[in-house]
Amino acid sequence: MTEENEELEKTEINHISENVESVGQMIIGGIEQIGGILTGDPVTRAEGDFNVAVGSEHQEINKNLTAIENEEAGRRESNESIHTENKE
């Protein structure tokens, strides 16, 4: 495996990990929301709302970063193929 492939694999694993973390935060937030509703505790419900919102934003940011990195990787591959063609 080349160094570039190893780097791409590490990046992909990192993005998956970040996505799992954000989903986990949204789940915890949902549980807090339900707990706050059932107990009538507005603070717990607000904490749940906050965690759901933060988890959602975290997931959106991770999706955007993944798209940017994939676009950059495509550009690198395109540039490498141009340089290879020019050498021939």
N, C-alpha and C. Protein backbone atom coordinates (compact mmCIF):
# COMPACT_ATOMS: atom_id res chain seq x y z
N MET A 1 0.85 -1.18 0.00
CA MET A 1 0.00 0.00 0.00
C MET A 1 0.90 1.24 0.00
N THR A 2 0.55 2.18 -0.83
CA THR A 2 1.36 3.38 -0.93
C THR A 2 1.07 4.31 0.24
N GLU A 3 1.97 5.25 0.41
CA GLU A 3 1.82 6.21 1.50
C GLU A 3 0.56 7.04 1.33
N GLU A 4 0.24 7.40 0.09
CA GLU A 4 -0.97 8.20 -0.17
C GLU A 4 -2.23 7.41 0.16
N ASN A 5 -2.25 6.12 -0.19
CA ASN A 5 -3.40 5.27 0.13
C ASN A 5 -3.57 5.11 1.63
N GLU A 6 -2.46 4.98 2.34
CA GLU A 6 -2.52 4.87 3.80
C GLU A 6 -3.10 6.14 4.41
N GLU A 7 -2.69 7.28 3.87
CA GLU A 7 -3.19 8.56 4.37
C GLU A 7 -4.69 8.70 4.10
N LEU A 8 -5.13 8.30 2.91
CA LEU A 8 -6.55 8.34 2.59
C LEU A 8 -7.36 7.42 3.50
N GLU A 9 -6.80 6.25 3.79
CA GLU A 9 -7.49 5.31 4.68
C GLU A 9 -7.61 5.88 6.09
N LYS A 10 -6.55 6.50 6.59
CA LYS A 10 -6.60 7.11 7.92
C LYS A 10 -7.63 8.24 7.96
N THR A 11 -7.68 9.03 6.90
CA THR A 11 -8.63 10.13 6.82
C THR A 11 -10.06 9.60 6.81
N GLU A 12 -10.30 8.54 6.05
CA GLU A 12 -11.63 7.96 5.98
C GLU A 12 -12.05 7.40 7.34
N ILE A 13 -11.14 6.73 8.02
CA ILE A 13 -11.44 6.20 9.35
C ILE A 13 -11.75 7.35 10.31
N ASN A 14 -11.01 8.43 10.21
CA ASN A 14 -11.24 9.59 11.07
C ASN A 14 -12.63 10.17 10.82
N HIS A 15 -13.03 10.27 9.56
CA HIS A 15 -14.35 10.82 9.23
C HIS A 15 -15.46 9.91 9.75
N ILE A 16 -15.27 8.60 9.64
CA ILE A 16 -16.26 7.66 10.16
C ILE A 16 -16.38 7.81 11.67
N SER A 17 -15.24 7.92 12.33
CA SER A 17 -15.22 8.10 13.79
C SER A 17 -15.93 9.38 14.19
N GLU A 18 -15.66 10.47 13.48
CA GLU A 18 -16.32 11.74 13.76
C GLU A 18 -17.83 11.64 13.57
N ASN A 19 -18.24 10.93 12.52
CA ASN A 19 -19.66 10.77 12.25
C ASN A 19 -20.34 9.97 13.36
N VAL A 20 -19.69 8.91 13.82
CA VAL A 20 -20.24 8.10 14.91
C VAL A 20 -20.37 8.94 16.18
N GLU A 21 -19.36 9.75 16.46
CA GLU A 21 -19.41 10.63 17.64
C GLU A 21 -20.59 11.59 17.56
N SER A 22 -20.80 12.17 16.40
CA SER A 22 -21.89 13.15 16.26
C SER A 22 -23.25 12.47 16.38
N VAL A 23 -23.40 11.28 15.83
CA VAL A 23 -24.66 10.54 15.97
C VAL A 23 -24.88 10.18 17.43
N GLY A 24 -23.83 9.77 18.12
CA GLY A 24 -23.93 9.45 19.54
C GLY A 24 -24.38 10.66 20.35
N GLN A 25 -23.85 11.81 20.03
CA GLN A 25 -24.24 13.02 20.75
C GLN A 25 -25.70 13.35 20.49
N MET A 26 -26.17 13.14 19.26
CA MET A 26 -27.58 13.39 18.96
C MET A 26 -28.49 12.40 19.70
N ILE A 27 -28.06 11.15 19.82
CA ILE A 27 -28.84 10.15 20.55
C ILE A 27 -28.93 10.52 22.03
N ILE A 28 -27.80 10.88 22.61
CA ILE A 28 -27.79 11.30 24.02
C ILE A 28 -28.70 12.51 24.20
N GLY A 29 -28.61 13.46 23.27
CA GLY A 29 -29.47 14.63 23.34
C GLY A 29 -30.94 14.27 23.29
N GLY A 30 -31.28 13.32 22.43
CA GLY A 30 -32.67 12.86 22.33
C GLY A 30 -33.15 12.22 23.62
N ILE A 31 -32.28 11.44 24.23
CA ILE A 31 -32.62 10.82 25.51
C ILE A 31 -32.81 11.89 26.59
N GLU A 32 -31.94 12.89 26.59
CA GLU A 32 -32.09 13.99 27.56
C GLU A 32 -33.38 14.76 27.33
N GLN A 33 -33.72 14.98 26.06
CA GLN A 33 -34.98 15.66 25.75
C GLN A 33 -36.17 14.89 26.32
N ILE A 34 -36.20 13.59 26.08
CA ILE A 34 -37.30 12.76 26.57
C ILE A 34 -37.32 12.76 28.09
N GLY A 35 -36.14 12.63 28.71
CA GLY A 35 -36.07 12.67 30.17
C GLY A 35 -36.58 13.98 30.72
N GLY A 36 -36.23 15.07 30.08
CA GLY A 36 -36.70 16.38 30.52
C GLY A 36 -38.20 16.53 30.38
N ILE A 37 -38.74 15.97 29.31
CA ILE A 37 -40.19 16.03 29.11
C ILE A 37 -40.91 15.19 30.17
N LEU A 38 -40.41 13.96 30.38
CA LEU A 38 -41.07 13.05 31.33
C LEU A 38 -41.00 13.56 32.77
N THR A 39 -39.90 14.20 33.12
CA THR A 39 -39.76 14.68 34.51
C THR A 39 -40.22 16.12 34.67
N GLY A 40 -40.50 16.78 33.57
CA GLY A 40 -40.90 18.18 33.65
C GLY A 40 -39.74 19.11 33.96
N ASP A 41 -38.52 18.65 33.67
CA ASP A 41 -37.31 19.44 33.96
C ASP A 41 -36.89 20.19 32.69
N PRO A 42 -37.12 21.50 32.67
CA PRO A 42 -36.78 22.27 31.47
C PRO A 42 -35.27 22.35 31.21
N VAL A 43 -34.45 22.26 32.26
CA VAL A 43 -33.00 22.33 32.09
C VAL A 43 -32.50 21.09 31.36
N THR A 44 -32.99 19.92 31.78
CA THR A 44 -32.58 18.67 31.12
C THR A 44 -33.04 18.66 29.67
N ARG A 45 -34.25 19.14 29.44
CA ARG A 45 -34.74 19.19 28.06
C ARG A 45 -33.89 20.15 27.23
N ALA A 46 -33.52 21.28 27.79
CA ALA A 46 -32.68 22.25 27.07
C ALA A 46 -31.31 21.66 26.77
N GLU A 47 -30.75 20.91 27.72
CA GLU A 47 -29.47 20.24 27.48
C GLU A 47 -29.60 19.26 26.32
N GLY A 48 -30.72 18.55 26.28
CA GLY A 48 -30.97 17.62 25.18
C GLY A 48 -31.06 18.35 23.85
N ASP A 49 -31.80 19.46 23.84
CA ASP A 49 -31.90 20.26 22.61
C ASP A 49 -30.52 20.70 22.15
N PHE A 50 -29.71 21.15 23.10
CA PHE A 50 -28.36 21.62 22.79
C PHE A 50 -27.52 20.49 22.20
N ASN A 51 -27.55 19.31 22.83
CA ASN A 51 -26.74 18.20 22.35
C ASN A 51 -27.19 17.72 20.97
N VAL A 52 -28.48 17.73 20.72
CA VAL A 52 -28.96 17.35 19.38
C VAL A 52 -28.46 18.36 18.35
N ALA A 53 -28.54 19.64 18.68
CA ALA A 53 -28.09 20.68 17.74
C ALA A 53 -26.59 20.60 17.50
N VAL A 54 -25.82 20.40 18.55
CA VAL A 54 -24.35 20.31 18.40
C VAL A 54 -23.98 19.07 17.60
N GLY A 55 -24.62 17.95 17.88
CA GLY A 55 -24.35 16.73 17.13
C GLY A 55 -24.68 16.89 15.66
N SER A 56 -25.78 17.56 15.38
CA SER A 56 -26.18 17.79 13.99
C SER A 56 -25.17 18.68 13.27
N GLU A 57 -24.75 19.75 13.92
CA GLU A 57 -23.74 20.64 13.32
C GLU A 57 -22.41 19.92 13.12
N HIS A 58 -22.02 19.11 14.08
CA HIS A 58 -20.78 18.34 14.00
C HIS A 58 -20.84 17.43 12.77
N GLN A 59 -21.97 16.78 12.57
CA GLN A 59 -22.13 15.89 11.43
C GLN A 59 -22.08 16.67 10.11
N GLU A 60 -22.72 17.82 10.06
CA GLU A 60 -22.72 18.64 8.85
C GLU A 60 -21.30 19.13 8.51
N ILE A 61 -20.57 19.57 9.52
CA ILE A 61 -19.19 20.02 9.30
C ILE A 61 -18.33 18.88 8.79
N ASN A 62 -18.49 17.70 9.39
CA ASN A 62 -17.71 16.54 8.96
C ASN A 62 -18.03 16.18 7.51
N LYS A 63 -19.31 16.27 7.13
CA LYS A 63 -19.71 15.98 5.75
C LYS A 63 -19.04 16.97 4.79
N ASN A 64 -19.03 18.25 5.16
CA ASN A 64 -18.40 19.26 4.31
C ASN A 64 -16.89 19.06 4.20
N LEU A 65 -16.25 18.73 5.32
CA LEU A 65 -14.81 18.47 5.28
C LEU A 65 -14.48 17.26 4.41
N THR A 66 -15.30 16.24 4.50
CA THR A 66 -15.09 15.05 3.67
C THR A 66 -15.19 15.41 2.19
N ALA A 67 -16.20 16.20 1.84
CA ALA A 67 -16.37 16.61 0.44
C ALA A 67 -15.18 17.42 -0.04
N ILE A 68 -14.69 18.34 0.79
CA ILE A 68 -13.53 19.16 0.41
C ILE A 68 -12.31 18.27 0.22
N GLU A 69 -12.06 17.35 1.15
CA GLU A 69 -10.89 16.48 1.04
C GLU A 69 -10.99 15.57 -0.18
N ASN A 70 -12.19 15.09 -0.47
CA ASN A 70 -12.36 14.25 -1.67
C ASN A 70 -12.10 15.05 -2.94
N GLU A 71 -12.55 16.28 -2.95
CA GLU A 71 -12.31 17.15 -4.11
C GLU A 71 -10.81 17.41 -4.29
N GLU A 72 -10.12 17.67 -3.19
CA GLU A 72 -8.67 17.91 -3.27
C GLU A 72 -7.94 16.67 -3.74
N ALA A 73 -8.37 15.50 -3.27
CA ALA A 73 -7.73 14.25 -3.70
C ALA A 73 -7.94 14.04 -5.20
N GLY A 74 -9.13 14.37 -5.69
CA GLY A 74 -9.40 14.26 -7.12
C GLY A 74 -8.53 15.19 -7.93
N ARG A 75 -8.31 16.39 -7.41
CA ARG A 75 -7.43 17.34 -8.11
C ARG A 75 -6.00 16.84 -8.15
N ARG A 76 -5.54 16.28 -7.02
CA ARG A 76 -4.17 15.75 -6.99
C ARG A 76 -4.01 14.63 -8.01
N GLU A 77 -5.00 13.73 -8.06
CA GLU A 77 -4.94 12.63 -9.03
C GLU A 77 -4.93 13.16 -10.45
N SER A 78 -5.73 14.18 -10.71
CA SER A 78 -5.80 14.78 -12.04
C SER A 78 -4.45 15.41 -12.40
N ASN A 79 -3.86 16.14 -11.46
CA ASN A 79 -2.56 16.77 -11.71
C ASN A 79 -1.47 15.73 -11.92
N GLU A 80 -1.52 14.64 -11.16
CA GLU A 80 -0.52 13.58 -11.32
C GLU A 80 -0.63 12.93 -12.68
N SER A 81 -1.86 12.73 -13.15
CA SER A 81 -2.04 12.09 -14.47
C SER A 81 -1.56 13.03 -15.58
N ILE A 82 -1.76 14.34 -15.40
CA ILE A 82 -1.27 15.30 -16.40
C ILE A 82 0.25 15.27 -16.44
N HIS A 83 0.91 15.24 -15.26
CA HIS A 83 2.36 15.21 -15.22
C HIS A 83 2.90 13.91 -15.82
N THR A 84 2.20 12.82 -15.61
CA THR A 84 2.62 11.52 -16.15
C THR A 84 2.51 11.54 -17.68
N GLU A 85 1.43 12.11 -18.18
CA GLU A 85 1.24 12.19 -19.64
C GLU A 85 2.30 13.08 -20.28
N ASN A 86 2.67 14.16 -19.62
CA ASN A 86 3.68 15.08 -20.16
C ASN A 86 5.05 14.45 -20.20
N LYS A 87 5.35 13.51 -19.31
CA LYS A 87 6.66 12.85 -19.28
C LYS A 87 6.81 11.85 -20.41
N GLU A 88 5.67 11.32 -20.89
CA GLU A 88 5.74 10.29 -21.93
C GLU A 88 5.98 10.85 -23.26
